[in-house]
Amino acid sequence: MFSLLYELLGGKNSNPVYATTIFPSVGLFTIILSVIFALIFYLLLGRWRPVWDKQKHWLITMVLLALIASGLAYSQARNGTEDDADAYMFAFSMINALYAVVYFVLLSLLFKRASIFAKRTPF
């Protein structure tokens, strides 16, 4: 499943390590990270005080998630292939950051109902 998602935007890579090892582990960990970030934002911070219910806090959380997801993908690709950095690794890290943002937005629609103060964040 993850191979299809990453190859859809980034194209197929000739190194089979991407499809067998890197895509599944990075994809699964990105979903887990997105769930954790959404849970922290809506169920921990969104119930704690009305300070964390602003649009800018949601954007900061999303940017932080995207940076972490991008770094995760880049480091896993570099360690998994044991190659020097190339354009595909950089593109893969950006695609992973994009997917992390998409997951976070979708999870926001799901988790914001459970929040007390952030029910209307981001929309």
PDB file of N, CA and C in Angstrom:
ATOM      1  N   MET A   1       0.823  -1.184   0.000  1.00  0.00           N
ATOM      2  CA  MET A   1       0.000   0.000   0.000  1.00  0.00           C
ATOM      3  C   MET A   1       0.873   1.256   0.000  1.00  0.00           C
ATOM      4  N   PHE A   2       1.879   1.303   0.879  1.00  0.00           N
ATOM      5  CA  PHE A   2       2.714   2.500   0.960  1.00  0.00           C
ATOM      6  C   PHE A   2       3.570   2.671  -0.285  1.00  0.00           C
ATOM      7  N   SER A   3       3.993   1.566  -0.882  1.00  0.00           N
ATOM      8  CA  SER A   3       4.773   1.675  -2.115  1.00  0.00           C
ATOM      9  C   SER A   3       3.963   2.390  -3.185  1.00  0.00           C
ATOM     10  N   LEU A   4       2.703   2.037  -3.293  1.00  0.00           N
ATOM     11  CA  LEU A   4       1.842   2.681  -4.278  1.00  0.00           C
ATOM     12  C   LEU A   4       1.716   4.172  -4.012  1.00  0.00           C
ATOM     13  N   LEU A   5       1.531   4.557  -2.750  1.00  0.00           N
ATOM     14  CA  LEU A   5       1.384   5.974  -2.404  1.00  0.00           C
ATOM     15  C   LEU A   5       2.643   6.768  -2.716  1.00  0.00           C
ATOM     16  N   TYR A   6       3.790   6.254  -2.337  1.00  0.00           N
ATOM     17  CA  TYR A   6       5.030   6.989  -2.565  1.00  0.00           C
ATOM     18  C   TYR A   6       5.431   6.991  -4.036  1.00  0.00           C
ATOM     19  N   GLU A   7       5.220   5.883  -4.733  1.00  0.00           N
ATOM     20  CA  GLU A   7       5.566   5.830  -6.150  1.00  0.00           C
ATOM     21  C   GLU A   7       4.597   6.626  -7.004  1.00  0.00           C
ATOM     22  N   LEU A   8       3.404   6.864  -6.500  1.00  0.00           N
ATOM     23  CA  LEU A   8       2.434   7.680  -7.223  1.00  0.00           C
ATOM     24  C   LEU A   8       2.962   9.095  -7.434  1.00  0.00           C
ATOM     25  N   LEU A   9       3.562   9.665  -6.408  1.00  0.00           N
ATOM     26  CA  LEU A   9       4.074  11.030  -6.509  1.00  0.00           C
ATOM     27  C   LEU A   9       5.560  11.106  -6.846  1.00  0.00           C
ATOM     28  N   GLY A  10       6.329  10.135  -6.386  1.00  0.00           N
ATOM     29  CA  GLY A  10       7.772  10.216  -6.565  1.00  0.00           C
ATOM     30  C   GLY A  10       8.337   9.376  -7.687  1.00  0.00           C
ATOM     31  N   GLY A  11       7.528   8.516  -8.251  1.00  0.00           N
ATOM     32  CA  GLY A  11       8.026   7.625  -9.289  1.00  0.00           C
ATOM     33  C   GLY A  11       8.678   6.388  -8.692  1.00  0.00           C
ATOM     34  N   LYS A  12       8.907   5.422  -9.525  1.00  0.00           N
ATOM     35  CA  LYS A  12       9.493   4.155  -9.085  1.00  0.00           C
ATOM     36  C   LYS A  12      11.006   4.306  -8.991  1.00  0.00           C
ATOM     37  N   ASN A  13      11.576   3.724  -7.954  1.00  0.00           N
ATOM     38  CA  ASN A  13      13.015   3.729  -7.780  1.00  0.00           C
ATOM     39  C   ASN A  13      13.550   2.355  -8.136  1.00  0.00           C
ATOM     40  N   SER A  14      14.725   2.324  -8.747  1.00  0.00           N
ATOM     41  CA  SER A  14      15.288   1.039  -9.174  1.00  0.00           C
ATOM     42  C   SER A  14      15.833   0.220  -8.014  1.00  0.00           C
ATOM     43  N   ASN A  15      16.051   0.861  -6.872  1.00  0.00           N
ATOM     44  CA  ASN A  15      16.558   0.142  -5.699  1.00  0.00           C
ATOM     45  C   ASN A  15      15.383  -0.568  -5.015  1.00  0.00           C
ATOM     46  N   PRO A  16      15.419  -1.907  -4.919  1.00  0.00           N
ATOM     47  CA  PRO A  16      14.285  -2.635  -4.322  1.00  0.00           C
ATOM     48  C   PRO A  16      14.135  -2.438  -2.815  1.00  0.00           C
ATOM     49  N   VAL A  17      15.137  -1.879  -2.167  1.00  0.00           N
ATOM     50  CA  VAL A  17      15.065  -1.653  -0.721  1.00  0.00           C
ATOM     51  C   VAL A  17      13.947  -0.666  -0.392  1.00  0.00           C
ATOM     52  N   TYR A  18      13.710   0.282  -1.274  1.00  0.00           N
ATOM     53  CA  TYR A  18      12.634   1.242  -1.028  1.00  0.00           C
ATOM     54  C   TYR A  18      11.292   0.536  -0.894  1.00  0.00           C
ATOM     55  N   ALA A  19      10.957  -0.301  -1.864  1.00  0.00           N
ATOM     56  CA  ALA A  19       9.644  -0.957  -1.865  1.00  0.00           C
ATOM     57  C   ALA A  19       9.512  -1.998  -0.752  1.00  0.00           C
ATOM     58  N   THR A  20      10.581  -2.683  -0.415  1.00  0.00           N
ATOM     59  CA  THR A  20      10.472  -3.769   0.565  1.00  0.00           C
ATOM     60  C   THR A  20      10.637  -3.314   2.005  1.00  0.00           C
ATOM     61  N   THR A  21      11.468  -2.316   2.238  1.00  0.00           N
ATOM     62  CA  THR A  21      11.794  -1.943   3.618  1.00  0.00           C
ATOM     63  C   THR A  21      11.438  -0.497   3.957  1.00  0.00           C
ATOM     64  N   ILE A  22      11.883   0.425   3.146  1.00  0.00           N
ATOM     65  CA  ILE A  22      11.798   1.846   3.501  1.00  0.00           C
ATOM     66  C   ILE A  22      10.364   2.356   3.440  1.00  0.00           C
ATOM     67  N   PHE A  23       9.669   2.127   2.334  1.00  0.00           N
ATOM     68  CA  PHE A  23       8.292   2.636   2.208  1.00  0.00           C
ATOM     69  C   PHE A  23       7.361   2.119   3.307  1.00  0.00           C
ATOM     70  N   PRO A  24       7.351   0.804   3.591  1.00  0.00           N
ATOM     71  CA  PRO A  24       6.429   0.333   4.642  1.00  0.00           C
ATOM     72  C   PRO A  24       6.740   0.890   6.028  1.00  0.00           C
ATOM     73  N   SER A  25       8.014   0.911   6.399  1.00  0.00           N
ATOM     74  CA  SER A  25       8.340   1.382   7.742  1.00  0.00           C
ATOM     75  C   SER A  25       8.109   2.880   7.886  1.00  0.00           C
ATOM     76  N   VAL A  26       8.508   3.655   6.911  1.00  0.00           N
ATOM     77  CA  VAL A  26       8.310   5.106   6.978  1.00  0.00           C
ATOM     78  C   VAL A  26       6.819   5.438   6.914  1.00  0.00           C
ATOM     79  N   GLY A  27       6.073   4.771   6.055  1.00  0.00           N
ATOM     80  CA  GLY A  27       4.640   5.028   5.943  1.00  0.00           C
ATOM     81  C   GLY A  27       3.898   4.730   7.229  1.00  0.00           C
ATOM     82  N   LEU A  28       4.195   3.600   7.837  1.00  0.00           N
ATOM     83  CA  LEU A  28       3.532   3.235   9.094  1.00  0.00           C
ATOM     84  C   LEU A  28       3.911   4.195  10.222  1.00  0.00           C
ATOM     85  N   PHE A  29       5.187   4.522  10.313  1.00  0.00           N
ATOM     86  CA  PHE A  29       5.618   5.424  11.371  1.00  0.00           C
ATOM     87  C   PHE A  29       5.055   6.834  11.155  1.00  0.00           C
ATOM     88  N   THR A  30       4.874   7.249   9.921  1.00  0.00           N
ATOM     89  CA  THR A  30       4.284   8.559   9.634  1.00  0.00           C
ATOM     90  C   THR A  30       2.831   8.604  10.084  1.00  0.00           C
ATOM     91  N   ILE A  31       2.103   7.538   9.858  1.00  0.00           N
ATOM     92  CA  ILE A  31       0.712   7.490  10.337  1.00  0.00           C
ATOM     93  C   ILE A  31       0.684   7.523  11.863  1.00  0.00           C
ATOM     94  N   ILE A  32       1.557   6.766  12.496  1.00  0.00           N
ATOM     95  CA  ILE A  32       1.607   6.759  13.964  1.00  0.00           C
ATOM     96  C   ILE A  32       1.960   8.140  14.500  1.00  0.00           C
ATOM     97  N   LEU A  33       2.938   8.795  13.888  1.00  0.00           N
ATOM     98  CA  LEU A  33       3.310  10.149  14.297  1.00  0.00           C
ATOM     99  C   LEU A  33       2.142  11.120  14.134  1.00  0.00           C
ATOM    100  N   SER A  34       1.424  11.015  13.044  1.00  0.00           N
ATOM    101  CA  SER A  34       0.287  11.905  12.803  1.00  0.00           C
ATOM    102  C   SER A  34      -0.807  11.693  13.838  1.00  0.00           C
ATOM    103  N   VAL A  35      -1.059  10.455  14.193  1.00  0.00           N
ATOM    104  CA  VAL A  35      -2.053  10.162  15.234  1.00  0.00           C
ATOM    105  C   VAL A  35      -1.598  10.741  16.571  1.00  0.00           C
ATOM    106  N   ILE A  36      -0.330  10.559  16.903  1.00  0.00           N
ATOM    107  CA  ILE A  36       0.186  11.084  18.169  1.00  0.00           C
ATOM    108  C   ILE A  36       0.073  12.609  18.211  1.00  0.00           C
ATOM    109  N   PHE A  37       0.457  13.277  17.138  1.00  0.00           N
ATOM    110  CA  PHE A  37       0.374  14.730  17.105  1.00  0.00           C
ATOM    111  C   PHE A  37      -1.073  15.209  17.208  1.00  0.00           C
ATOM    112  N   ALA A  38      -1.983  14.535  16.523  1.00  0.00           N
ATOM    113  CA  ALA A  38      -3.400  14.933  16.598  1.00  0.00           C
ATOM    114  C   ALA A  38      -3.956  14.684  17.998  1.00  0.00           C
ATOM    115  N   LEU A  39      -3.597  13.569  18.597  1.00  0.00           N
ATOM    116  CA  LEU A  39      -4.058  13.289  19.960  1.00  0.00           C
ATOM    117  C   LEU A  39      -3.516  14.311  20.956  1.00  0.00           C
ATOM    118  N   ILE A  40      -2.255  14.645  20.817  1.00  0.00           N
ATOM    119  CA  ILE A  40      -1.672  15.647  21.717  1.00  0.00           C
ATOM    120  C   ILE A  40      -2.360  16.994  21.533  1.00  0.00           C
ATOM    121  N   PHE A  41      -2.561  17.402  20.284  1.00  0.00           N
ATOM    122  CA  PHE A  41      -3.163  18.715  20.044  1.00  0.00           C
ATOM    123  C   PHE A  41      -4.604  18.779  20.537  1.00  0.00           C
ATOM    124  N   TYR A  42      -5.405  17.786  20.212  1.00  0.00           N
ATOM    125  CA  TYR A  42      -6.838  17.860  20.518  1.00  0.00           C
ATOM    126  C   TYR A  42      -7.202  17.323  21.905  1.00  0.00           C
ATOM    127  N   LEU A  43      -6.603  16.232  22.310  1.00  0.00           N
ATOM    128  CA  LEU A  43      -7.020  15.631  23.571  1.00  0.00           C
ATOM    129  C   LEU A  43      -6.188  16.074  24.771  1.00  0.00           C
ATOM    130  N   LEU A  44      -4.958  16.466  24.549  1.00  0.00           N
ATOM    131  CA  LEU A  44      -4.152  16.927  25.669  1.00  0.00           C
ATOM    132  C   LEU A  44      -4.183  18.459  25.760  1.00  0.00           C
ATOM    133  N   LEU A  45      -3.684  19.110  24.727  1.00  0.00           N
ATOM    134  CA  LEU A  45      -3.645  20.572  24.751  1.00  0.00           C
ATOM    135  C   LEU A  45      -5.027  21.192  24.553  1.00  0.00           C
ATOM    136  N   GLY A  46      -5.857  20.581  23.755  1.00  0.00           N
ATOM    137  CA  GLY A  46      -7.198  21.102  23.487  1.00  0.00           C
ATOM    138  C   GLY A  46      -8.167  20.956  24.644  1.00  0.00           C
ATOM    139  N   ARG A  47      -7.800  20.175  25.632  1.00  0.00           N
ATOM    140  CA  ARG A  47      -8.627  20.030  26.828  1.00  0.00           C
ATOM    141  C   ARG A  47      -7.983  20.712  28.038  1.00  0.00           C
ATOM    142  N   TRP A  48      -6.738  21.122  27.882  1.00  0.00           N
ATOM    143  CA  TRP A  48      -6.011  21.663  29.014  1.00  0.00           C
ATOM    144  C   TRP A  48      -6.386  23.108  29.302  1.00  0.00           C
ATOM    145  N   ARG A  49      -6.228  23.985  28.323  1.00  0.00           N
ATOM    146  CA  ARG A  49      -6.521  25.398  28.495  1.00  0.00           C
ATOM    147  C   ARG A  49      -7.016  25.967  27.171  1.00  0.00           C
ATOM    148  N   PRO A  50      -7.749  27.060  27.222  1.00  0.00           N
ATOM    149  CA  PRO A  50      -8.212  27.668  25.973  1.00  0.00           C
ATOM    150  C   PRO A  50      -7.129  28.424  25.211  1.00  0.00           C
ATOM    151  N   VAL A  51      -5.880  28.296  25.635  1.00  0.00           N
ATOM    152  CA  VAL A  51      -4.770  28.960  24.959  1.00  0.00           C
ATOM    153  C   VAL A  51      -4.392  28.230  23.667  1.00  0.00           C
ATOM    154  N   TRP A  52      -4.577  26.927  23.626  1.00  0.00           N
ATOM    155  CA  TRP A  52      -4.113  26.105  22.508  1.00  0.00           C
ATOM    156  C   TRP A  52      -5.189  25.859  21.470  1.00  0.00           C
ATOM    157  N   ASP A  53      -6.148  26.743  21.330  1.00  0.00           N
ATOM    158  CA  ASP A  53      -7.231  26.513  20.377  1.00  0.00           C
ATOM    159  C   ASP A  53      -7.141  27.392  19.138  1.00  0.00           C
ATOM    160  N   LYS A  54      -6.051  28.067  18.948  1.00  0.00           N
ATOM    161  CA  LYS A  54      -5.896  29.002  17.830  1.00  0.00           C
ATOM    162  C   LYS A  54      -5.415  28.297  16.572  1.00  0.00           C
ATOM    163  N   GLN A  55      -5.737  28.917  15.454  1.00  0.00           N
ATOM    164  CA  GLN A  55      -5.334  28.403  14.149  1.00  0.00           C
ATOM    165  C   GLN A  55      -3.800  28.351  14.038  1.00  0.00           C
ATOM    166  N   LYS A  56      -3.116  29.357  14.582  1.00  0.00           N
ATOM    167  CA  LYS A  56      -1.658  29.387  14.470  1.00  0.00           C
ATOM    168  C   LYS A  56      -1.004  28.237  15.238  1.00  0.00           C
ATOM    169  N   HIS A  57      -1.599  27.816  16.343  1.00  0.00           N
ATOM    170  CA  HIS A  57      -1.050  26.674  17.079  1.00  0.00           C
ATOM    171  C   HIS A  57      -1.220  25.384  16.276  1.00  0.00           C
ATOM    172  N   TRP A  58      -2.349  25.288  15.609  1.00  0.00           N
ATOM    173  CA  TRP A  58      -2.591  24.121  14.765  1.00  0.00           C
ATOM    174  C   TRP A  58      -1.585  24.089  13.617  1.00  0.00           C
ATOM    175  N   LEU A  59      -1.320  25.246  13.013  1.00  0.00           N
ATOM    176  CA  LEU A  59      -0.342  25.314  11.918  1.00  0.00           C
ATOM    177  C   LEU A  59       1.072  25.009  12.405  1.00  0.00           C
ATOM    178  N   ILE A  60       1.426  25.501  13.577  1.00  0.00           N
ATOM    179  CA  ILE A  60       2.742  25.202  14.139  1.00  0.00           C
ATOM    180  C   ILE A  60       2.881  23.702  14.379  1.00  0.00           C
ATOM    181  N   THR A  61       1.850  23.089  14.909  1.00  0.00           N
ATOM    182  CA  THR A  61       1.867  21.641  15.137  1.00  0.00           C
ATOM    183  C   THR A  61       2.024  20.889  13.825  1.00  0.00           C
ATOM    184  N   MET A  62       1.316  21.329  12.802  1.00  0.00           N
ATOM    185  CA  MET A  62       1.383  20.668  11.504  1.00  0.00           C
ATOM    186  C   MET A  62       2.764  20.837  10.863  1.00  0.00           C
ATOM    187  N   VAL A  63       3.351  22.018  10.958  1.00  0.00           N
ATOM    188  CA  VAL A  63       4.682  22.248  10.402  1.00  0.00           C
ATOM    189  C   VAL A  63       5.724  21.417  11.144  1.00  0.00           C
ATOM    190  N   LEU A  64       5.614  21.353  12.455  1.00  0.00           N
ATOM    191  CA  LEU A  64       6.524  20.532  13.246  1.00  0.00           C
ATOM    192  C   LEU A  64       6.423  19.057  12.844  1.00  0.00           C
ATOM    193  N   LEU A  65       5.210  18.580  12.670  1.00  0.00           N
ATOM    194  CA  LEU A  65       5.002  17.202  12.210  1.00  0.00           C
ATOM    195  C   LEU A  65       5.621  16.989  10.831  1.00  0.00           C
ATOM    196  N   ALA A  66       5.427  17.931   9.921  1.00  0.00           N
ATOM    197  CA  ALA A  66       5.982  17.800   8.573  1.00  0.00           C
ATOM    198  C   ALA A  66       7.510  17.761   8.602  1.00  0.00           C
ATOM    199  N   LEU A  67       8.121  18.576   9.438  1.00  0.00           N
ATOM    200  CA  LEU A  67       9.582  18.573   9.550  1.00  0.00           C
ATOM    201  C   LEU A  67      10.098  17.247  10.104  1.00  0.00           C
ATOM    202  N   ILE A  68       9.434  16.741  11.117  1.00  0.00           N
ATOM    203  CA  ILE A  68       9.849  15.461  11.705  1.00  0.00           C
ATOM    204  C   ILE A  68       9.644  14.326  10.703  1.00  0.00           C
ATOM    205  N   ALA A  69       8.518  14.328  10.002  1.00  0.00           N
ATOM    206  CA  ALA A  69       8.243  13.279   9.014  1.00  0.00           C
ATOM    207  C   ALA A  69       9.235  13.335   7.859  1.00  0.00           C
ATOM    208  N   SER A  70       9.600  14.531   7.451  1.00  0.00           N
ATOM    209  CA  SER A  70      10.584  14.673   6.383  1.00  0.00           C
ATOM    210  C   SER A  70      11.946  14.164   6.821  1.00  0.00           C
ATOM    211  N   GLY A  71      12.365  14.534   8.018  1.00  0.00           N
ATOM    212  CA  GLY A  71      13.642  14.050   8.543  1.00  0.00           C
ATOM    213  C   GLY A  71      13.668  12.545   8.728  1.00  0.00           C
ATOM    214  N   LEU A  72      12.546  11.993   9.175  1.00  0.00           N
ATOM    215  CA  LEU A  72      12.441  10.544   9.336  1.00  0.00           C
ATOM    216  C   LEU A  72      12.627   9.840   7.992  1.00  0.00           C
ATOM    217  N   ALA A  73      11.926  10.303   6.979  1.00  0.00           N
ATOM    218  CA  ALA A  73      12.010   9.664   5.665  1.00  0.00           C
ATOM    219  C   ALA A  73      13.420   9.773   5.085  1.00  0.00           C
ATOM    220  N   TYR A  74      14.019  10.937   5.226  1.00  0.00           N
ATOM    221  CA  TYR A  74      15.369  11.126   4.690  1.00  0.00           C
ATOM    222  C   TYR A  74      16.378  10.221   5.396  1.00  0.00           C
ATOM    223  N   SER A  75      16.315  10.181   6.719  1.00  0.00           N
ATOM    224  CA  SER A  75      17.279   9.351   7.448  1.00  0.00           C
ATOM    225  C   SER A  75      17.060   7.865   7.190  1.00  0.00           C
ATOM    226  N   GLN A  76      15.811   7.437   7.093  1.00  0.00           N
ATOM    227  CA  GLN A  76      15.549   6.020   6.800  1.00  0.00           C
ATOM    228  C   GLN A  76      16.014   5.659   5.388  1.00  0.00           C
ATOM    229  N   ALA A  77      15.812   6.548   4.435  1.00  0.00           N
ATOM    230  CA  ALA A  77      16.261   6.276   3.071  1.00  0.00           C
ATOM    231  C   ALA A  77      17.782   6.240   3.006  1.00  0.00           C
ATOM    232  N   ARG A  78      18.407   7.142   3.698  1.00  0.00           N
ATOM    233  CA  ARG A  78      19.875   7.182   3.683  1.00  0.00           C
ATOM    234  C   ARG A  78      20.466   5.958   4.377  1.00  0.00           C
ATOM    235  N   ASN A  79      19.898   5.573   5.525  1.00  0.00           N
ATOM    236  CA  ASN A  79      20.397   4.400   6.235  1.00  0.00           C
ATOM    237  C   ASN A  79      20.035   3.101   5.531  1.00  0.00           C
ATOM    238  N   GLY A  80      18.852   3.049   4.938  1.00  0.00           N
ATOM    239  CA  GLY A  80      18.407   1.819   4.284  1.00  0.00           C
ATOM    240  C   GLY A  80      19.150   1.503   3.010  1.00  0.00           C
ATOM    241  N   THR A  81      19.488   2.533   2.261  1.00  0.00           N
ATOM    242  CA  THR A  81      20.190   2.310   0.998  1.00  0.00           C
ATOM    243  C   THR A  81      21.697   2.371   1.155  1.00  0.00           C
ATOM    244  N   GLU A  82      22.170   2.967   2.246  1.00  0.00           N
ATOM    245  CA  GLU A  82      23.594   3.156   2.508  1.00  0.00           C
ATOM    246  C   GLU A  82      24.276   3.897   1.365  1.00  0.00           C
ATOM    247  N   ASP A  83      23.529   4.767   0.688  1.00  0.00           N
ATOM    248  CA  ASP A  83      24.062   5.588  -0.392  1.00  0.00           C
ATOM    249  C   ASP A  83      24.200   7.024   0.088  1.00  0.00           C
ATOM    250  N   ASP A  84      24.913   7.790  -0.708  1.00  0.00           N
ATOM    251  CA  ASP A  84      24.956   9.224  -0.444  1.00  0.00           C
ATOM    252  C   ASP A  84      23.605   9.821  -0.806  1.00  0.00           C
ATOM    253  N   ALA A  85      23.367  11.007  -0.309  1.00  0.00           N
ATOM    254  CA  ALA A  85      22.097  11.686  -0.583  1.00  0.00           C
ATOM    255  C   ALA A  85      21.941  11.915  -2.081  1.00  0.00           C
ATOM    256  N   ASP A  86      20.746  11.695  -2.555  1.00  0.00           N
ATOM    257  CA  ASP A  86      20.448  11.967  -3.953  1.00  0.00           C
ATOM    258  C   ASP A  86      19.093  12.664  -4.059  1.00  0.00           C
ATOM    259  N   ALA A  87      18.706  12.990  -5.262  1.00  0.00           N
ATOM    260  CA  ALA A  87      17.469  13.738  -5.484  1.00  0.00           C
ATOM    261  C   ALA A  87      16.244  12.920  -5.085  1.00  0.00           C
ATOM    262  N   TYR A  88      16.288  11.613  -5.266  1.00  0.00           N
ATOM    263  CA  TYR A  88      15.135  10.787  -4.917  1.00  0.00           C
ATOM    264  C   TYR A  88      14.902  10.781  -3.407  1.00  0.00           C
ATOM    265  N   MET A  89      15.967  10.754  -2.627  1.00  0.00           N
ATOM    266  CA  MET A  89      15.818  10.800  -1.166  1.00  0.00           C
ATOM    267  C   MET A  89      15.174  12.105  -0.726  1.00  0.00           C
ATOM    268  N   PHE A  90      15.611  13.198  -1.328  1.00  0.00           N
ATOM    269  CA  PHE A  90      15.033  14.491  -0.989  1.00  0.00           C
ATOM    270  C   PHE A  90      13.561  14.549  -1.392  1.00  0.00           C
ATOM    271  N   ALA A  91      13.247  14.068  -2.583  1.00  0.00           N
ATOM    272  CA  ALA A  91      11.848  14.053  -3.038  1.00  0.00           C
ATOM    273  C   ALA A  91      11.002  13.152  -2.144  1.00  0.00           C
ATOM    274  N   PHE A  92      11.541  12.011  -1.772  1.00  0.00           N
ATOM    275  CA  PHE A  92      10.830  11.094  -0.885  1.00  0.00           C
ATOM    276  C   PHE A  92      10.548  11.746   0.463  1.00  0.00           C
ATOM    277  N   SER A  93      11.497  12.489   0.993  1.00  0.00           N
ATOM    278  CA  SER A  93      11.282  13.150   2.280  1.00  0.00           C
ATOM    279  C   SER A  93      10.207  14.232   2.170  1.00  0.00           C
ATOM    280  N   MET A  94      10.167  14.946   1.068  1.00  0.00           N
ATOM    281  CA  MET A  94       9.135  15.966   0.870  1.00  0.00           C
ATOM    282  C   MET A  94       7.749  15.328   0.677  1.00  0.00           C
ATOM    283  N   ILE A  95       7.703  14.228  -0.040  1.00  0.00           N
ATOM    284  CA  ILE A  95       6.438  13.510  -0.233  1.00  0.00           C
ATOM    285  C   ILE A  95       5.934  12.973   1.104  1.00  0.00           C
ATOM    286  N   ASN A  96       6.835  12.478   1.918  1.00  0.00           N
ATOM    287  CA  ASN A  96       6.431  11.980   3.231  1.00  0.00           C
ATOM    288  C   ASN A  96       5.894  13.111   4.103  1.00  0.00           C
ATOM    289  N   ALA A  97       6.516  14.277   4.030  1.00  0.00           N
ATOM    290  CA  ALA A  97       6.019  15.434   4.774  1.00  0.00           C
ATOM    291  C   ALA A  97       4.612  15.802   4.293  1.00  0.00           C
ATOM    292  N   LEU A  98       4.393  15.728   2.995  1.00  0.00           N
ATOM    293  CA  LEU A  98       3.066  16.016   2.443  1.00  0.00           C
ATOM    294  C   LEU A  98       2.032  15.018   2.951  1.00  0.00           C
ATOM    295  N   TYR A  99       2.369  13.743   2.950  1.00  0.00           N
ATOM    296  CA  TYR A  99       1.443  12.737   3.458  1.00  0.00           C
ATOM    297  C   TYR A  99       1.175  12.916   4.950  1.00  0.00           C
ATOM    298  N   ALA A 100       2.192  13.310   5.709  1.00  0.00           N
ATOM    299  CA  ALA A 100       1.986  13.561   7.134  1.00  0.00           C
ATOM    300  C   ALA A 100       0.994  14.697   7.346  1.00  0.00           C
ATOM    301  N   VAL A 101       1.088  15.733   6.531  1.00  0.00           N
ATOM    302  CA  VAL A 101       0.150  16.863   6.625  1.00  0.00           C
ATOM    303  C   VAL A 101      -1.259  16.410   6.263  1.00  0.00           C
ATOM    304  N   VAL A 102      -1.384  15.611   5.224  1.00  0.00           N
ATOM    305  CA  VAL A 102      -2.705  15.107   4.818  1.00  0.00           C
ATOM    306  C   VAL A 102      -3.304  14.248   5.925  1.00  0.00           C
ATOM    307  N   TYR A 103      -2.505  13.356   6.488  1.00  0.00           N
ATOM    308  CA  TYR A 103      -2.999  12.523   7.593  1.00  0.00           C
ATOM    309  C   TYR A 103      -3.426  13.380   8.771  1.00  0.00           C
ATOM    310  N   PHE A 104      -2.638  14.416   9.093  1.00  0.00           N
ATOM    311  CA  PHE A 104      -2.950  15.271  10.237  1.00  0.00           C
ATOM    312  C   PHE A 104      -4.255  16.036  10.011  1.00  0.00           C
ATOM    313  N   VAL A 105      -4.467  16.523   8.803  1.00  0.00           N
ATOM    314  CA  VAL A 105      -5.719  17.236   8.505  1.00  0.00           C
ATOM    315  C   VAL A 105      -6.909  16.292   8.634  1.00  0.00           C
ATOM    316  N   LEU A 106      -6.789  15.096   8.089  1.00  0.00           N
ATOM    317  CA  LEU A 106      -7.886  14.122   8.188  1.00  0.00           C
ATOM    318  C   LEU A 106      -8.138  13.710   9.640  1.00  0.00           C
ATOM    319  N   LEU A 107      -7.076  13.503  10.391  1.00  0.00           N
ATOM    320  CA  LEU A 107      -7.244  13.149  11.792  1.00  0.00           C
ATOM    321  C   LEU A 107      -7.789  14.319  12.603  1.00  0.00           C
ATOM    322  N   SER A 108      -7.491  15.529  12.204  1.00  0.00           N
ATOM    323  CA  SER A 108      -8.041  16.707  12.872  1.00  0.00           C
ATOM    324  C   SER A 108      -9.558  16.734  12.753  1.00  0.00           C
ATOM    325  N   LEU A 109     -10.043  16.383  11.592  1.00  0.00           N
ATOM    326  CA  LEU A 109     -11.499  16.332  11.400  1.00  0.00           C
ATOM    327  C   LEU A 109     -12.138  15.289  12.304  1.00  0.00           C
ATOM    328  N   LEU A 110     -11.411  14.243  12.595  1.00  0.00           N
ATOM    329  CA  LEU A 110     -11.919  13.174  13.450  1.00  0.00           C
ATOM    330  C   LEU A 110     -11.807  13.511  14.941  1.00  0.00           C
ATOM    331  N   PHE A 111     -10.638  14.015  15.363  1.00  0.00           N
ATOM    332  CA  PHE A 111     -10.371  14.206  16.786  1.00  0.00           C
ATOM    333  C   PHE A 111     -10.880  15.526  17.357  1.00  0.00           C
ATOM    334  N   LYS A 112     -11.170  16.497  16.515  1.00  0.00           N
ATOM    335  CA  LYS A 112     -11.543  17.798  17.074  1.00  0.00           C
ATOM    336  C   LYS A 112     -12.864  17.753  17.837  1.00  0.00           C
ATOM    337  N   ARG A 113     -13.686  16.798  17.569  1.00  0.00           N
ATOM    338  CA  ARG A 113     -14.949  16.656  18.309  1.00  0.00           C
ATOM    339  C   ARG A 113     -14.720  16.290  19.773  1.00  0.00           C
ATOM    340  N   ALA A 114     -13.588  15.648  20.052  1.00  0.00           N
ATOM    341  CA  ALA A 114     -13.285  15.229  21.419  1.00  0.00           C
ATOM    342  C   ALA A 114     -12.606  16.321  22.235  1.00  0.00           C
ATOM    343  N   SER A 115     -12.279  17.416  21.597  1.00  0.00           N
ATOM    344  CA  SER A 115     -11.608  18.506  22.287  1.00  0.00           C
ATOM    345  C   SER A 115     -12.623  19.432  22.948  1.00  0.00           C
ATOM    346  N   ILE A 116     -12.207  20.087  23.979  1.00  0.00           N
ATOM    347  CA  ILE A 116     -13.082  21.048  24.650  1.00  0.00           C
ATOM    348  C   ILE A 116     -12.897  22.435  24.053  1.00  0.00           C
ATOM    349  N   PHE A 117     -11.656  22.882  23.942  1.00  0.00           N
ATOM    350  CA  PHE A 117     -11.383  24.242  23.503  1.00  0.00           C
ATOM    351  C   PHE A 117     -11.053  24.361  22.020  1.00  0.00           C
ATOM    352  N   ALA A 118     -10.634  23.282  21.384  1.00  0.00           N
ATOM    353  CA  ALA A 118     -10.207  23.336  19.983  1.00  0.00           C
ATOM    354  C   ALA A 118     -11.222  22.679  19.045  1.00  0.00           C
ATOM    355  N   LYS A 119     -12.493  22.754  19.385  1.00  0.00           N
ATOM    356  CA  LYS A 119     -13.520  22.106  18.547  1.00  0.00           C
ATOM    357  C   LYS A 119     -13.632  22.741  17.167  1.00  0.00           C
ATOM    358  N   ARG A 120     -13.301  24.010  17.063  1.00  0.00           N
ATOM    359  CA  ARG A 120     -13.426  24.702  15.779  1.00  0.00           C
ATOM    360  C   ARG A 120     -12.073  24.956  15.109  1.00  0.00           C
ATOM    361  N   THR A 121     -11.050  24.302  15.585  1.00  0.00           N
ATOM    362  CA  THR A 121      -9.741  24.425  14.972  1.00  0.00           C
ATOM    363  C   THR A 121      -9.515  23.186  14.120  1.00  0.00           C
ATOM    364  N   PRO A 122      -9.183  23.284  12.905  1.00  0.00           N
ATOM    365  CA  PRO A 122      -8.705  24.420  12.143  1.00  0.00           C
ATOM    366  C   PRO A 122      -9.819  25.167  11.398  1.00  0.00           C
ATOM    367  N   PHE A 123     -10.989  24.640  11.289  1.00  0.00           N
ATOM    368  CA  PHE A 123     -12.017  25.272  10.441  1.00  0.00           C
ATOM    369  C   PHE A 123     -13.115  25.890  11.266  1.00  0.00           C
TER     370      PHE A 123
END
